C-alpha atoms as a PDB file:
ATOM      1  CA  MET A   1    -138.791   8.818 -65.153  1.00  0.00           C
ATOM      2  CA  ASN A   2    -139.316   7.838 -61.581  1.00  0.00           C
ATOM      3  CA  ALA A   3    -137.223   9.049 -58.682  1.00  0.00           C
ATOM      4  CA  HIS A   4    -134.607   6.214 -58.788  1.00  0.00           C
ATOM      5  CA  ASP A   5    -133.987   6.663 -62.649  1.00  0.00           C
ATOM      6  CA  SER A   6    -133.669  10.471 -61.871  1.00  0.00           C
ATOM      7  CA  PHE A   7    -131.045   9.964 -59.271  1.00  0.00           C
ATOM      8  CA  ILE A   8    -129.012   7.693 -61.538  1.00  0.00           C
ATOM      9  CA  ALA A   9    -129.190  10.228 -64.470  1.00  0.00           C
ATOM     10  CA  ARG A  10    -127.446  12.833 -62.408  1.00  0.00           C
ATOM     11  CA  HIS A  11    -124.011  13.763 -62.998  1.00  0.00           C
ATOM     12  CA  SER A  12    -122.424  14.625 -59.667  1.00  0.00           C
ATOM     13  CA  PHE A  13    -120.910  18.297 -59.353  1.00  0.00           C
ATOM     14  CA  ILE A  14    -119.343  17.665 -56.081  1.00  0.00           C
ATOM     15  CA  GLU A  15    -117.301  14.596 -57.067  1.00  0.00           C
ATOM     16  CA  LEU A  16    -115.751  16.779 -59.982  1.00  0.00           C
ATOM     17  CA  THR A  17    -112.326  18.578 -59.557  1.00  0.00           C
ATOM     18  CA  ALA A  18    -112.185  22.312 -59.807  1.00  0.00           C
ATOM     19  CA  ARG A  19    -110.878  21.939 -63.470  1.00  0.00           C
ATOM     20  CA  GLU A  20    -113.819  19.593 -64.288  1.00  0.00           C
ATOM     21  CA  ARG A  21    -116.362  21.894 -62.606  1.00  0.00           C
ATOM     22  CA  ALA A  22    -115.272  24.930 -64.651  1.00  0.00           C
ATOM     23  CA  ARG A  23    -115.248  22.874 -67.871  1.00  0.00           C
ATOM     24  CA  ALA A  24    -118.712  21.472 -67.154  1.00  0.00           C
ATOM     25  CA  LEU A  25    -120.170  24.898 -66.729  1.00  0.00           C
ATOM     26  CA  LEU A  26    -118.806  26.439 -69.812  1.00  0.00           C
ATOM     27  CA  ASP A  27    -120.364  25.746 -73.162  1.00  0.00           C
ATOM     28  CA  PRO A  28    -118.961  22.505 -74.648  1.00  0.00           C
ATOM     29  CA  GLY A  29    -115.698  23.025 -76.458  1.00  0.00           C
ATOM     30  CA  THR A  30    -115.067  26.640 -75.456  1.00  0.00           C
ATOM     31  CA  SER A  31    -113.012  26.104 -72.270  1.00  0.00           C
ATOM     32  CA  ARG A  32    -109.495  27.200 -72.139  1.00  0.00           C
ATOM     33  CA  GLU A  33    -107.376  27.578 -68.895  1.00  0.00           C
ATOM     34  CA  LEU A  34    -105.417  30.697 -68.042  1.00  0.00           C
ATOM     35  CA  LEU A  35    -102.345  30.451 -65.778  1.00  0.00           C
ATOM     36  CA  GLY A  36    -102.668  26.621 -65.828  1.00  0.00           C
ATOM     37  CA  PRO A  37    -100.465  24.122 -64.212  1.00  0.00           C
ATOM     38  CA  PHE A  38     -97.806  24.353 -66.922  1.00  0.00           C
ATOM     39  CA  ASP A  39     -97.136  27.990 -66.021  1.00  0.00           C
ATOM     40  CA  ARG A  40     -96.105  26.446 -62.578  1.00  0.00           C
ATOM     41  CA  LEU A  41     -97.296  29.452 -60.435  1.00  0.00           C
ATOM     42  CA  GLU A  42     -96.635  27.682 -57.150  1.00  0.00           C
ATOM     43  CA  SER A  43     -96.691  29.126 -53.706  1.00  0.00           C
ATOM     44  CA  PRO A  44     -93.169  30.285 -52.688  1.00  0.00           C
ATOM     45  CA  TRP A  45     -93.978  29.806 -49.077  1.00  0.00           C
ATOM     46  CA  LEU A  46     -95.332  26.107 -48.648  1.00  0.00           C
ATOM     47  CA  ALA A  47     -91.968  24.347 -49.631  1.00  0.00           C
ATOM     48  CA  MET A  48     -90.247  26.421 -46.879  1.00  0.00           C
ATOM     49  CA  GLN A  49     -92.615  24.765 -44.394  1.00  0.00           C
ATOM     50  CA  ASN A  50     -92.188  21.193 -45.869  1.00  0.00           C
ATOM     51  CA  VAL A  51     -95.634  21.241 -47.540  1.00  0.00           C
ATOM     52  CA  VAL A  52     -95.769  19.876 -51.023  1.00  0.00           C
ATOM     53  CA  CYS A  53     -96.824  22.497 -53.674  1.00  0.00           C
ATOM     54  CA  GLN A  54     -99.319  22.245 -56.460  1.00  0.00           C
ATOM     55  CA  SER A  55     -98.374  23.732 -59.751  1.00  0.00           C
ATOM     56  CA  ASP A  56    -101.663  25.655 -59.972  1.00  0.00           C
ATOM     57  CA  ASP A  57    -101.771  26.451 -56.278  1.00  0.00           C
ATOM     58  CA  GLY A  58    -105.293  25.173 -56.012  1.00  0.00           C
ATOM     59  CA  ALA A  59    -107.081  27.746 -58.260  1.00  0.00           C
ATOM     60  CA  VAL A  60    -108.231  27.143 -61.783  1.00  0.00           C
ATOM     61  CA  ILE A  61    -109.097  30.080 -64.082  1.00  0.00           C
ATOM     62  CA  ALA A  62    -111.004  29.259 -67.228  1.00  0.00           C
ATOM     63  CA  ARG A  63    -112.222  31.411 -70.037  1.00  0.00           C
ATOM     64  CA  GLY A  64    -115.024  30.272 -72.594  1.00  0.00           C
ATOM     65  CA  THR A  65    -118.613  31.084 -73.133  1.00  0.00           C
ATOM     66  CA  LEU A  66    -121.647  30.440 -70.769  1.00  0.00           C
ATOM     67  CA  GLY A  67    -124.911  30.379 -72.470  1.00  0.00           C
ATOM     68  CA  GLY A  68    -123.449  31.860 -75.632  1.00  0.00           C
ATOM     69  CA  GLU A  69    -121.834  34.799 -73.708  1.00  0.00           C
ATOM     70  CA  PRO A  70    -118.074  35.327 -72.836  1.00  0.00           C
ATOM     71  CA  ALA A  71    -117.328  34.133 -69.369  1.00  0.00           C
ATOM     72  CA  VAL A  72    -114.493  33.839 -66.864  1.00  0.00           C
ATOM     73  CA  ILE A  73    -114.800  31.101 -64.121  1.00  0.00           C
ATOM     74  CA  ALA A  74    -112.515  30.971 -61.029  1.00  0.00           C
ATOM     75  CA  ALA A  75    -112.697  27.521 -59.249  1.00  0.00           C
ATOM     76  CA  ILE A  76    -111.162  26.665 -56.035  1.00  0.00           C
ATOM     77  CA  GLU A  77    -109.765  22.998 -55.731  1.00  0.00           C
ATOM     78  CA  PRO A  78    -110.752  21.518 -52.366  1.00  0.00           C
ATOM     79  CA  ALA A  79    -108.428  18.556 -52.576  1.00  0.00           C
ATOM     80  CA  PHE A  80    -105.458  20.786 -52.352  1.00  0.00           C
ATOM     81  CA  GLN A  81    -104.979  22.276 -48.744  1.00  0.00           C
ATOM     82  CA  GLY A  82    -108.652  22.044 -48.180  1.00  0.00           C
ATOM     83  CA  GLY A  83    -109.253  24.879 -50.770  1.00  0.00           C
ATOM     84  CA  SER A  84    -107.411  27.247 -48.503  1.00  0.00           C
ATOM     85  CA  ILE A  85    -106.416  30.540 -50.212  1.00  0.00           C
ATOM     86  CA  GLY A  86    -102.838  31.655 -50.264  1.00  0.00           C
ATOM     87  CA  GLU A  87    -100.909  34.274 -52.073  1.00  0.00           C
ATOM     88  CA  VAL A  88    -100.862  32.722 -55.447  1.00  0.00           C
ATOM     89  CA  SER A  89    -104.249  31.149 -55.731  1.00  0.00           C
ATOM     90  CA  GLY A  90    -105.937  34.202 -54.313  1.00  0.00           C
ATOM     91  CA  ALA A  91    -103.999  36.512 -56.822  1.00  0.00           C
ATOM     92  CA  LYS A  92    -105.222  34.368 -59.546  1.00  0.00           C
ATOM     93  CA  ILE A  93    -108.863  34.612 -58.516  1.00  0.00           C
ATOM     94  CA  ALA A  94    -108.623  38.532 -57.927  1.00  0.00           C
ATOM     95  CA  ALA A  95    -106.727  38.992 -61.337  1.00  0.00           C
ATOM     96  CA  SER A  96    -109.545  37.070 -63.081  1.00  0.00           C
ATOM     97  CA  LEU A  97    -112.183  39.444 -61.450  1.00  0.00           C
ATOM     98  CA  GLU A  98    -110.033  42.561 -62.309  1.00  0.00           C
ATOM     99  CA  PHE A  99    -109.813  41.302 -65.890  1.00  0.00           C
ATOM    100  CA  ALA A 100    -113.614  40.946 -66.103  1.00  0.00           C
ATOM    101  CA  LEU A 101    -113.903  44.486 -64.825  1.00  0.00           C
ATOM    102  CA  ARG A 102    -111.447  45.762 -67.485  1.00  0.00           C
ATOM    103  CA  GLU A 103    -113.481  44.066 -70.183  1.00  0.00           C
ATOM    104  CA  PHE A 104    -116.582  45.871 -69.034  1.00  0.00           C
ATOM    105  CA  GLU A 105    -114.618  49.162 -68.873  1.00  0.00           C
ATOM    106  CA  ALA A 106    -113.798  48.599 -72.562  1.00  0.00           C
ATOM    107  CA  GLY A 107    -117.271  47.910 -73.587  1.00  0.00           C
ATOM    108  CA  ARG A 108    -117.016  44.101 -73.678  1.00  0.00           C
ATOM    109  CA  ALA A 109    -119.615  42.143 -71.663  1.00  0.00           C
ATOM    110  CA  ILE A 110    -118.375  39.142 -69.533  1.00  0.00           C
ATOM    111  CA  ARG A 111    -119.988  36.672 -67.199  1.00  0.00           C
ATOM    112  CA  PRO A 112    -117.958  36.214 -63.902  1.00  0.00           C
ATOM    113  CA  VAL A 113    -118.390  33.001 -61.767  1.00  0.00           C
ATOM    114  CA  ILE A 114    -116.717  31.899 -58.692  1.00  0.00           C
ATOM    115  CA  LEU A 115    -116.807  28.195 -57.571  1.00  0.00           C
ATOM    116  CA  PHE A 116    -116.191  28.299 -53.788  1.00  0.00           C
ATOM    117  CA  GLU A 117    -114.925  25.246 -51.753  1.00  0.00           C
ATOM    118  CA  THR A 118    -112.660  26.664 -49.157  1.00  0.00           C
ATOM    119  CA  GLY A 119    -111.778  26.620 -45.601  1.00  0.00           C
ATOM    120  CA  GLY A 120    -110.757  30.233 -45.835  1.00  0.00           C
ATOM    121  CA  VAL A 121    -107.158  31.777 -45.593  1.00  0.00           C
ATOM    122  CA  ARG A 122    -104.213  29.207 -45.759  1.00  0.00           C
ATOM    123  CA  LEU A 123    -102.588  29.333 -42.351  1.00  0.00           C
ATOM    124  CA  GLN A 124     -99.110  28.890 -43.786  1.00  0.00           C
ATOM    125  CA  GLU A 125     -99.569  32.198 -45.582  1.00  0.00           C
ATOM    126  CA  ALA A 126    -101.761  33.885 -43.152  1.00  0.00           C
ATOM    127  CA  ASN A 127    -101.226  37.638 -43.671  1.00  0.00           C
ATOM    128  CA  LEU A 128    -100.583  37.344 -47.378  1.00  0.00           C
ATOM    129  CA  GLY A 129    -103.490  35.158 -47.742  1.00  0.00           C
ATOM    130  CA  LEU A 130    -105.788  37.707 -45.800  1.00  0.00           C
ATOM    131  CA  ALA A 131    -104.573  40.527 -47.934  1.00  0.00           C
ATOM    132  CA  VAL A 132    -105.291  38.719 -51.198  1.00  0.00           C
ATOM    133  CA  ILE A 133    -108.791  37.633 -50.011  1.00  0.00           C
ATOM    134  CA  ALA A 134    -109.372  41.365 -49.395  1.00  0.00           C
ATOM    135  CA  GLU A 135    -108.407  42.006 -53.017  1.00  0.00           C
ATOM    136  CA  ILE A 136    -110.914  39.375 -54.017  1.00  0.00           C
ATOM    137  CA  GLN A 137    -113.712  41.052 -51.950  1.00  0.00           C
ATOM    138  CA  ALA A 138    -112.856  44.517 -53.451  1.00  0.00           C
ATOM    139  CA  ALA A 139    -112.910  43.114 -56.970  1.00  0.00           C
ATOM    140  CA  ILE A 140    -116.258  41.575 -56.453  1.00  0.00           C
ATOM    141  CA  VAL A 141    -117.793  44.865 -55.224  1.00  0.00           C
ATOM    142  CA  ALA A 142    -116.303  46.784 -58.161  1.00  0.00           C
ATOM    143  CA  LEU A 143    -117.385  44.246 -60.784  1.00  0.00           C
ATOM    144  CA  ARG A 144    -121.009  43.806 -59.408  1.00  0.00           C
ATOM    145  CA  ARG A 145    -121.864  47.393 -60.394  1.00  0.00           C
ATOM    146  CA  HIS A 146    -121.754  46.243 -64.084  1.00  0.00           C
ATOM    147  CA  VAL A 147    -122.836  42.607 -64.033  1.00  0.00           C
ATOM    148  CA  PRO A 148    -124.052  39.981 -61.680  1.00  0.00           C
ATOM    149  CA  VAL A 149    -121.154  38.048 -59.927  1.00  0.00           C
ATOM    150  CA  VAL A 150    -122.447  34.522 -59.422  1.00  0.00           C
ATOM    151  CA  GLY A 151    -120.915  32.198 -56.712  1.00  0.00           C
ATOM    152  CA  VAL A 152    -121.453  28.510 -56.367  1.00  0.00           C
ATOM    153  CA  ILE A 153    -120.807  26.562 -53.140  1.00  0.00           C
ATOM    154  CA  GLY A 154    -120.660  23.000 -54.182  1.00  0.00           C
ATOM    155  CA  GLY A 155    -119.334  20.386 -51.801  1.00  0.00           C
ATOM    156  CA  MET A 156    -118.556  19.113 -48.535  1.00  0.00           C
ATOM    157  CA  VAL A 157    -115.742  21.322 -47.663  1.00  0.00           C
ATOM    158  CA  GLY A 158    -118.157  24.230 -47.925  1.00  0.00           C
ATOM    159  CA  CYS A 159    -117.017  27.948 -47.682  1.00  0.00           C
ATOM    160  CA  PHE A 160    -115.699  29.466 -44.490  1.00  0.00           C
ATOM    161  CA  GLY A 161    -113.562  32.262 -43.092  1.00  0.00           C
ATOM    162  CA  GLY A 162    -112.737  35.381 -45.305  1.00  0.00           C
ATOM    163  CA  MET A 163    -114.098  33.647 -48.326  1.00  0.00           C
ATOM    164  CA  SER A 164    -117.497  33.314 -46.715  1.00  0.00           C
ATOM    165  CA  LEU A 165    -117.548  37.170 -46.745  1.00  0.00           C
ATOM    166  CA  ALA A 166    -116.453  36.999 -50.536  1.00  0.00           C
ATOM    167  CA  ALA A 167    -119.503  34.700 -51.133  1.00  0.00           C
ATOM    168  CA  ALA A 168    -121.698  36.990 -49.301  1.00  0.00           C
ATOM    169  CA  LEU A 169    -120.711  39.863 -51.610  1.00  0.00           C
ATOM    170  CA  CYS A 170    -121.731  37.934 -54.793  1.00  0.00           C
ATOM    171  CA  SER A 171    -124.911  39.067 -56.510  1.00  0.00           C
ATOM    172  CA  TYR A 172    -126.192  35.604 -56.430  1.00  0.00           C
ATOM    173  CA  LEU A 173    -125.374  32.523 -54.548  1.00  0.00           C
ATOM    174  CA  VAL A 174    -126.009  28.873 -55.663  1.00  0.00           C
ATOM    175  CA  MET A 175    -125.532  26.084 -53.145  1.00  0.00           C
ATOM    176  CA  THR A 176    -126.091  22.394 -53.028  1.00  0.00           C
ATOM    177  CA  ARG A 177    -127.697  20.723 -49.948  1.00  0.00           C
ATOM    178  CA  GLN A 178    -124.387  19.150 -49.058  1.00  0.00           C
ATOM    179  CA  ALA A 179    -122.465  22.278 -48.792  1.00  0.00           C
ATOM    180  CA  ARG A 180    -122.082  24.544 -45.774  1.00  0.00           C
ATOM    181  CA  LEU A 181    -121.548  28.215 -45.426  1.00  0.00           C
ATOM    182  CA  GLY A 182    -120.379  30.074 -42.332  1.00  0.00           C
ATOM    183  CA  MET A 183    -117.874  32.542 -40.988  1.00  0.00           C
ATOM    184  CA  ASN A 184    -116.133  29.900 -38.686  1.00  0.00           C
ATOM    185  CA  GLY A 185    -116.235  26.188 -39.321  1.00  0.00           C
ATOM    186  CA  PRO A 186    -117.651  23.855 -36.739  1.00  0.00           C
ATOM    187  CA  GLU A 187    -114.426  22.350 -35.641  1.00  0.00           C
ATOM    188  CA  VAL A 188    -113.000  25.911 -35.058  1.00  0.00           C
ATOM    189  CA  ILE A 189    -115.967  26.841 -32.880  1.00  0.00           C
ATOM    190  CA  GLU A 190    -115.545  23.637 -30.999  1.00  0.00           C
ATOM    191  CA  GLN A 191    -111.814  24.232 -30.395  1.00  0.00           C
ATOM    192  CA  GLU A 192    -112.256  27.835 -29.294  1.00  0.00           C
ATOM    193  CA  ALA A 193    -115.513  27.617 -27.291  1.00  0.00           C
ATOM    194  CA  GLY A 194    -115.535  23.833 -26.266  1.00  0.00           C
ATOM    195  CA  VAL A 195    -117.726  20.927 -27.232  1.00  0.00           C
ATOM    196  CA  GLU A 196    -120.427  22.349 -24.882  1.00  0.00           C
ATOM    197  CA  GLU A 197    -120.859  25.226 -27.268  1.00  0.00           C
ATOM    198  CA  LEU A 198    -120.887  23.069 -30.302  1.00  0.00           C
ATOM    199  CA  ASP A 199    -120.232  19.394 -31.063  1.00  0.00           C
ATOM    200  CA  SER A 200    -118.601  19.433 -34.605  1.00  0.00           C
ATOM    201  CA  ARG A 201    -119.355  15.651 -34.812  1.00  0.00           C
ATOM    202  CA  ASP A 202    -123.133  16.279 -34.628  1.00  0.00           C
ATOM    203  CA  ARG A 203    -123.598  16.263 -38.432  1.00  0.00           C
ATOM    204  CA  LYS A 204    -127.413  16.725 -38.163  1.00  0.00           C
ATOM    205  CA  LEU A 205    -126.984  19.708 -35.958  1.00  0.00           C
ATOM    206  CA  ILE A 206    -124.297  21.373 -38.235  1.00  0.00           C
ATOM    207  CA  TRP A 207    -126.180  20.877 -41.461  1.00  0.00           C
ATOM    208  CA  SER A 208    -129.454  22.188 -39.798  1.00  0.00           C
ATOM    209  CA  MET A 209    -127.559  25.420 -38.896  1.00  0.00           C
ATOM    210  CA  ILE A 210    -125.227  26.076 -41.853  1.00  0.00           C
ATOM    211  CA  GLY A 211    -126.215  23.502 -44.707  1.00  0.00           C
ATOM    212  CA  GLY A 212    -127.432  24.518 -48.040  1.00  0.00           C
ATOM    213  CA  GLU A 213    -131.086  23.933 -47.165  1.00  0.00           C
ATOM    214  CA  GLN A 214    -131.006  26.118 -44.090  1.00  0.00           C
ATOM    215  CA  ARG A 215    -128.993  28.895 -45.768  1.00  0.00           C
ATOM    216  CA  ALA A 216    -131.606  29.026 -48.793  1.00  0.00           C
ATOM    217  CA  ALA A 217    -134.519  28.957 -46.268  1.00  0.00           C
ATOM    218  CA  VAL A 218    -133.411  32.066 -44.387  1.00  0.00           C
ATOM    219  CA  GLY A 219    -132.557  33.939 -47.643  1.00  0.00           C
ATOM    220  CA  LEU A 220    -128.689  33.955 -47.489  1.00  0.00           C
ATOM    221  CA  VAL A 221    -128.571  31.812 -50.672  1.00  0.00           C
ATOM    222  CA  ASP A 222    -130.713  32.479 -53.736  1.00  0.00           C
ATOM    223  CA  THR A 223    -130.854  29.050 -55.302  1.00  0.00           C
ATOM    224  CA  LEU A 224    -130.677  25.493 -53.751  1.00  0.00           C
ATOM    225  CA  VAL A 225    -129.827  22.721 -56.062  1.00  0.00           C
ATOM    226  CA  GLU A 226    -129.281  18.973 -55.809  1.00  0.00           C
ATOM    227  CA  ASP A 227    -125.693  17.697 -56.571  1.00  0.00           C
ATOM    228  CA  ASP A 228    -126.206  17.672 -60.270  1.00  0.00           C
ATOM    229  CA  THR A 229    -124.080  19.406 -62.691  1.00  0.00           C
ATOM    230  CA  ASP A 230    -127.024  20.351 -64.965  1.00  0.00           C
ATOM    231  CA  GLN A 231    -128.909  21.841 -62.145  1.00  0.00           C
ATOM    232  CA  VAL A 232    -125.809  23.909 -61.059  1.00  0.00           C
ATOM    233  CA  ARG A 233    -125.274  25.176 -64.640  1.00  0.00           C
ATOM    234  CA  ASP A 234    -128.919  25.945 -65.135  1.00  0.00           C
ATOM    235  CA  ALA A 235    -129.059  27.991 -61.865  1.00  0.00           C
ATOM    236  CA  VAL A 236    -125.932  29.918 -62.807  1.00  0.00           C
ATOM    237  CA  LEU A 237    -127.419  30.698 -66.176  1.00  0.00           C
ATOM    238  CA  SER A 238    -130.796  31.742 -64.645  1.00  0.00           C
ATOM    239  CA  ALA A 239    -128.870  34.100 -62.301  1.00  0.00           C
ATOM    240  CA  PHE A 240    -127.351  35.891 -65.233  1.00  0.00           C
ATOM    241  CA  GLU A 241    -130.582  36.151 -67.037  1.00  0.00           C
ATOM    242  CA  SER A 242    -132.100  37.740 -63.935  1.00  0.00           C
ATOM    243  CA  GLY A 243    -129.838  40.712 -64.329  1.00  0.00           C
ATOM    244  CA  LEU A 244    -128.455  42.932 -61.434  1.00  0.00           C
ATOM    245  CA  PRO A 245    -130.515  42.600 -58.186  1.00  0.00           C
ATOM    246  CA  GLN A 246    -132.201  45.773 -57.047  1.00  0.00           C
ATOM    247  CA  SER A 247    -129.905  45.708 -54.139  1.00  0.00           C
ATOM    248  CA  HIS A 248    -127.255  43.338 -52.964  1.00  0.00           C
ATOM    249  CA  ARG A 249    -127.567  41.525 -49.690  1.00  0.00           C
ATOM    250  CA  THR A 250    -124.483  43.269 -48.186  1.00  0.00           C
ATOM    251  CA  GLU A 251    -126.093  46.598 -48.950  1.00  0.00           C
ATOM    252  CA  GLN A 252    -129.316  45.829 -46.880  1.00  0.00           C
ATOM    253  CA  VAL A 253    -127.687  46.847 -43.555  1.00  0.00           C
ATOM    254  CA  ASP A 254    -130.808  48.046 -41.838  1.00  0.00           C
ATOM    255  CA  LYS A 255    -132.808  44.957 -42.750  1.00  0.00           C
ATOM    256  CA  GLN A 256    -130.108  42.659 -41.390  1.00  0.00           C
ATOM    257  CA  LEU A 257    -129.780  44.420 -38.282  1.00  0.00           C
ATOM    258  CA  GLU A 258    -133.594  44.374 -37.701  1.00  0.00           C
ATOM    259  CA  ARG A 259    -133.444  40.600 -38.294  1.00  0.00           C
ATOM    260  CA  LEU A 260    -130.466  40.097 -35.670  1.00  0.00           C
ATOM    261  CA  ALA A 261    -132.405  42.149 -33.410  1.00  0.00           C
ATOM    262  CA  ARG A 262    -135.169  39.452 -33.334  1.00  0.00           C
ATOM    263  CA  VAL A 263    -132.903  36.675 -32.476  1.00  0.00           C
ATOM    264  CA  ASP A 264    -132.346  35.491 -28.834  1.00  0.00           C
ATOM    265  CA  PRO A 265    -128.529  34.354 -28.851  1.00  0.00           C
ATOM    266  CA  SER A 266    -129.085  32.249 -25.766  1.00  0.00           C
ATOM    267  CA  ALA A 267    -131.604  30.031 -27.507  1.00  0.00           C
ATOM    268  CA  ILE A 268    -130.904  29.887 -31.248  1.00  0.00           C
ATOM    269  CA  ASP A 269    -132.791  27.168 -33.157  1.00  0.00           C
ATOM    270  CA  PRO A 270    -132.672  26.542 -36.776  1.00  0.00           C
ATOM    271  CA  ALA A 271    -136.470  26.128 -37.138  1.00  0.00           C
ATOM    272  CA  VAL A 272    -136.968  29.531 -35.336  1.00  0.00           C
ATOM    273  CA  LEU A 273    -134.643  31.235 -37.669  1.00  0.00           C
ATOM    274  CA  ARG A 274    -136.626  30.108 -40.629  1.00  0.00           C
ATOM    275  CA  THR A 275    -139.836  31.286 -38.970  1.00  0.00           C
ATOM    276  CA  LEU A 276    -138.337  34.789 -38.185  1.00  0.00           C
ATOM    277  CA  TRP A 277    -136.506  35.262 -41.492  1.00  0.00           C
ATOM    278  CA  GLN A 278    -138.500  33.402 -44.172  1.00  0.00           C
ATOM    279  CA  GLY A 279    -141.204  36.113 -44.331  1.00  0.00           C
ATOM    280  CA  ASP A 280    -138.761  38.908 -45.355  1.00  0.00           C
ATOM    281  CA  ALA A 281    -136.005  36.853 -47.062  1.00  0.00           C
END
């Protein structure tokens, strides 16, 4: 198979909805949705601000098996409010992780996966959204003592804000080249610090700094994949087969501080960061 045939044979992960992504990762015929759209768990706050609600609030929770093992997947829908996290969507994700923790405490293993595609907290629900993101983060930390928590950052929205911290807490991160990962999005940085600091229209610069390839090169992401559903699924399965890491990235405080001490903030260059960090990633 030549390169052209290989490209044609791919099944895009990015083009799928959150519901389709969860179903594609689970073993065929095993997916069932919890708290789905017919349960109508809508945000009580958006309508008050003349924002049209969505009946699942942009979060899909699916049970099934993954590689023959029980699994739960929490998938964020980027097409609704940019994947932003509100009270209801965040509570659904936190509850799914807390459910997985209770399964382990009862002696039943389960594989937890989070499909990130989010700009972070939903501004219309600011404090409530931030509180529930903290619950998601706490649930990840509690659960990763028992089993790897695997995160996937799939598409063009990327993963920003408080949810970028949730992604960093995952045991393993899988990322496509097209995705981005950062605390603040380029538009926010430009808005707050000016275009002289960062031009959000410079796509080459943005992806060279926070795109999937760069994040994997400096060790902030474990597996870089193409936009291919099979590659994403294989990477998730491989992460679970690897077992728990010896230490999570967020526990390596001294290592990260030593890395940062080597960086000159007045002259940050993506290539320099690779040189500085690749050796000890």
